[in-house]
Amino acid sequence: MPSFYLKIAGVTFEGRQRLISGLSRKGELNPGTLLRIVAEPNNPYDSNAVKVMTISGETLGYIPKQHNSTIAYNLRMGKQYKVTVLAVTGGDEFLGINIMLEY
């Protein structure tokens, strides 16, 4: 199964740092945690936006713009991706999330 690694973009907006911190502290955002991605064609900033979410639907951020057009197209065509947390990075002031996508 082909796979590639990405760092989620947009994790500093809309209270996502607090969300990521809380999920991480509760052990709900560990390496191996499954996430989901959803194409967001009506996004006002980018019609190829792909949102990265927890399984329960909380938005963590987005696939970086340089990678999102192919992924958005594949999602629209029905391709399924397995999205897994590799690591929560950073410290007390800024957290990031590295993920692996497999298809």
C-alpha atoms as a PDB file:
ATOM      1  CA  MET A   1       0.000   0.000   0.000  1.00  0.00           C
ATOM      2  CA  PRO A   2       1.618   3.335  -1.053  1.00  0.00           C
ATOM      3  CA  SER A   3       2.063   5.820   1.771  1.00  0.00           C
ATOM      4  CA  PHE A   4       3.447   9.277   2.412  1.00  0.00           C
ATOM      5  CA  TYR A   5       4.073  11.516   5.391  1.00  0.00           C
ATOM      6  CA  LEU A   6       2.805  15.045   6.025  1.00  0.00           C
ATOM      7  CA  LYS A   7       2.624  17.659   8.733  1.00  0.00           C
ATOM      8  CA  ILE A   8      -0.920  18.986   9.215  1.00  0.00           C
ATOM      9  CA  ALA A   9      -1.302  22.671   8.270  1.00  0.00           C
ATOM     10  CA  GLY A  10      -3.502  25.215  10.017  1.00  0.00           C
ATOM     11  CA  VAL A  11      -3.091  23.821  13.527  1.00  0.00           C
ATOM     12  CA  THR A  12      -2.737  27.313  15.043  1.00  0.00           C
ATOM     13  CA  PHE A  13      -6.169  28.580  13.966  1.00  0.00           C
ATOM     14  CA  GLU A  14      -9.634  28.455  15.535  1.00  0.00           C
ATOM     15  CA  GLY A  15      -8.594  27.038  18.915  1.00  0.00           C
ATOM     16  CA  ARG A  16      -6.951  23.961  17.444  1.00  0.00           C
ATOM     17  CA  GLN A  17      -3.875  24.232  19.688  1.00  0.00           C
ATOM     18  CA  ARG A  18      -6.112  23.849  22.742  1.00  0.00           C
ATOM     19  CA  LEU A  19      -7.908  20.914  21.094  1.00  0.00           C
ATOM     20  CA  ILE A  20      -4.662  19.156  20.140  1.00  0.00           C
ATOM     21  CA  SER A  21      -3.201  19.712  23.600  1.00  0.00           C
ATOM     22  CA  GLY A  22      -6.297  18.354  25.319  1.00  0.00           C
ATOM     23  CA  LEU A  23      -6.570  15.291  23.089  1.00  0.00           C
ATOM     24  CA  SER A  24      -2.865  14.596  23.514  1.00  0.00           C
ATOM     25  CA  ARG A  25      -3.034  14.899  27.323  1.00  0.00           C
ATOM     26  CA  LYS A  26      -6.006  12.518  27.425  1.00  0.00           C
ATOM     27  CA  GLY A  27      -4.119   9.974  25.292  1.00  0.00           C
ATOM     28  CA  GLU A  28      -6.523  10.373  22.379  1.00  0.00           C
ATOM     29  CA  LEU A  29      -3.948  11.698  19.903  1.00  0.00           C
ATOM     30  CA  ASN A  30      -1.064   9.242  20.137  1.00  0.00           C
ATOM     31  CA  PRO A  31       1.042   7.569  17.457  1.00  0.00           C
ATOM     32  CA  GLY A  32      -1.253   5.098  15.743  1.00  0.00           C
ATOM     33  CA  THR A  33      -4.464   7.068  16.345  1.00  0.00           C
ATOM     34  CA  LEU A  34      -6.661   6.927  13.249  1.00  0.00           C
ATOM     35  CA  LEU A  35      -7.922  10.160  11.731  1.00  0.00           C
ATOM     36  CA  ARG A  36     -10.060  10.928   8.710  1.00  0.00           C
ATOM     37  CA  ILE A  37      -9.801  13.365   5.832  1.00  0.00           C
ATOM     38  CA  VAL A  38     -12.644  15.092   4.020  1.00  0.00           C
ATOM     39  CA  ALA A  39     -12.534  17.121   0.813  1.00  0.00           C
ATOM     40  CA  GLU A  40     -13.929  20.605   1.384  1.00  0.00           C
ATOM     41  CA  PRO A  41     -14.715  21.931  -2.135  1.00  0.00           C
ATOM     42  CA  ASN A  42     -16.712  24.899  -0.780  1.00  0.00           C
ATOM     43  CA  ASN A  43     -13.836  26.162   1.370  1.00  0.00           C
ATOM     44  CA  PRO A  44     -13.669  29.947   0.767  1.00  0.00           C
ATOM     45  CA  TYR A  45      -9.845  29.945   0.685  1.00  0.00           C
ATOM     46  CA  ASP A  46      -9.097  26.865  -1.426  1.00  0.00           C
ATOM     47  CA  SER A  47     -11.490  24.700  -3.449  1.00  0.00           C
ATOM     48  CA  ASN A  48      -9.017  21.812  -3.095  1.00  0.00           C
ATOM     49  CA  ALA A  49      -8.923  22.030   0.720  1.00  0.00           C
ATOM     50  CA  VAL A  50      -8.800  18.702   2.547  1.00  0.00           C
ATOM     51  CA  LYS A  51      -9.741  18.825   6.222  1.00  0.00           C
ATOM     52  CA  VAL A  52      -8.020  16.503   8.736  1.00  0.00           C
ATOM     53  CA  MET A  53     -10.371  15.435  11.507  1.00  0.00           C
ATOM     54  CA  THR A  54     -10.606  13.122  14.463  1.00  0.00           C
ATOM     55  CA  ILE A  55     -12.858  10.112  13.975  1.00  0.00           C
ATOM     56  CA  SER A  56     -15.441  11.926  16.136  1.00  0.00           C
ATOM     57  CA  GLY A  57     -15.396  14.943  13.777  1.00  0.00           C
ATOM     58  CA  GLU A  58     -13.165  17.542  15.463  1.00  0.00           C
ATOM     59  CA  THR A  59     -11.091  19.556  12.981  1.00  0.00           C
ATOM     60  CA  LEU A  60      -7.328  19.367  13.601  1.00  0.00           C
ATOM     61  CA  GLY A  61      -6.208  21.234  10.485  1.00  0.00           C
ATOM     62  CA  TYR A  62      -5.702  20.686   6.766  1.00  0.00           C
ATOM     63  CA  ILE A  63      -3.542  18.821   4.283  1.00  0.00           C
ATOM     64  CA  PRO A  64      -0.849  21.313   3.165  1.00  0.00           C
ATOM     65  CA  LYS A  65      -1.779  23.182  -0.017  1.00  0.00           C
ATOM     66  CA  GLN A  66       1.127  21.759  -2.037  1.00  0.00           C
ATOM     67  CA  HIS A  67      -0.367  18.257  -1.617  1.00  0.00           C
ATOM     68  CA  ASN A  68      -4.102  18.847  -1.454  1.00  0.00           C
ATOM     69  CA  SER A  69      -5.170  18.964  -5.122  1.00  0.00           C
ATOM     70  CA  THR A  70      -4.322  15.315  -5.843  1.00  0.00           C
ATOM     71  CA  ILE A  71      -5.766  14.124  -2.547  1.00  0.00           C
ATOM     72  CA  ALA A  72      -8.960  16.184  -3.028  1.00  0.00           C
ATOM     73  CA  TYR A  73      -9.363  14.777  -6.541  1.00  0.00           C
ATOM     74  CA  ASN A  74      -8.840  11.209  -5.306  1.00  0.00           C
ATOM     75  CA  LEU A  75     -11.403  11.698  -2.529  1.00  0.00           C
ATOM     76  CA  ARG A  76     -13.942  13.048  -5.013  1.00  0.00           C
ATOM     77  CA  MET A  77     -13.330   9.961  -7.170  1.00  0.00           C
ATOM     78  CA  GLY A  78     -14.082   7.710  -4.185  1.00  0.00           C
ATOM     79  CA  LYS A  79     -10.541   6.744  -3.208  1.00  0.00           C
ATOM     80  CA  GLN A  80     -10.196   5.893   0.475  1.00  0.00           C
ATOM     81  CA  TYR A  81      -7.199   6.880   2.597  1.00  0.00           C
ATOM     82  CA  LYS A  82      -6.051   5.481   5.918  1.00  0.00           C
ATOM     83  CA  VAL A  83      -4.742   8.398   8.012  1.00  0.00           C
ATOM     84  CA  THR A  84      -2.641   7.682  11.097  1.00  0.00           C
ATOM     85  CA  VAL A  85      -0.970   9.961  13.641  1.00  0.00           C
ATOM     86  CA  LEU A  86       2.803   9.490  13.640  1.00  0.00           C
ATOM     87  CA  ALA A  87       3.629  12.090  16.301  1.00  0.00           C
ATOM     88  CA  VAL A  88       2.424  15.167  18.107  1.00  0.00           C
ATOM     89  CA  THR A  89       5.363  17.540  17.892  1.00  0.00           C
ATOM     90  CA  GLY A  90       6.410  20.745  19.573  1.00  0.00           C
ATOM     91  CA  GLY A  91       6.178  22.008  23.095  1.00  0.00           C
ATOM     92  CA  ASP A  92       3.949  24.018  25.386  1.00  0.00           C
ATOM     93  CA  GLU A  93       3.497  26.997  23.048  1.00  0.00           C
ATOM     94  CA  PHE A  94       3.068  25.358  19.644  1.00  0.00           C
ATOM     95  CA  LEU A  95       1.996  21.823  18.778  1.00  0.00           C
ATOM     96  CA  GLY A  96       1.993  20.110  15.404  1.00  0.00           C
ATOM     97  CA  ILE A  97       0.872  16.739  14.122  1.00  0.00           C
ATOM     98  CA  ASN A  98       2.743  14.484  11.736  1.00  0.00           C
ATOM     99  CA  ILE A  99       0.562  11.990   9.896  1.00  0.00           C
ATOM    100  CA  MET A 100       0.894   9.111   7.465  1.00  0.00           C
ATOM    101  CA  LEU A 101      -1.564   8.692   4.595  1.00  0.00           C
ATOM    102  CA  GLU A 102      -1.961   5.291   2.955  1.00  0.00           C
ATOM    103  CA  TYR A 103      -4.108   4.338   0.001  1.00  0.00           C
END
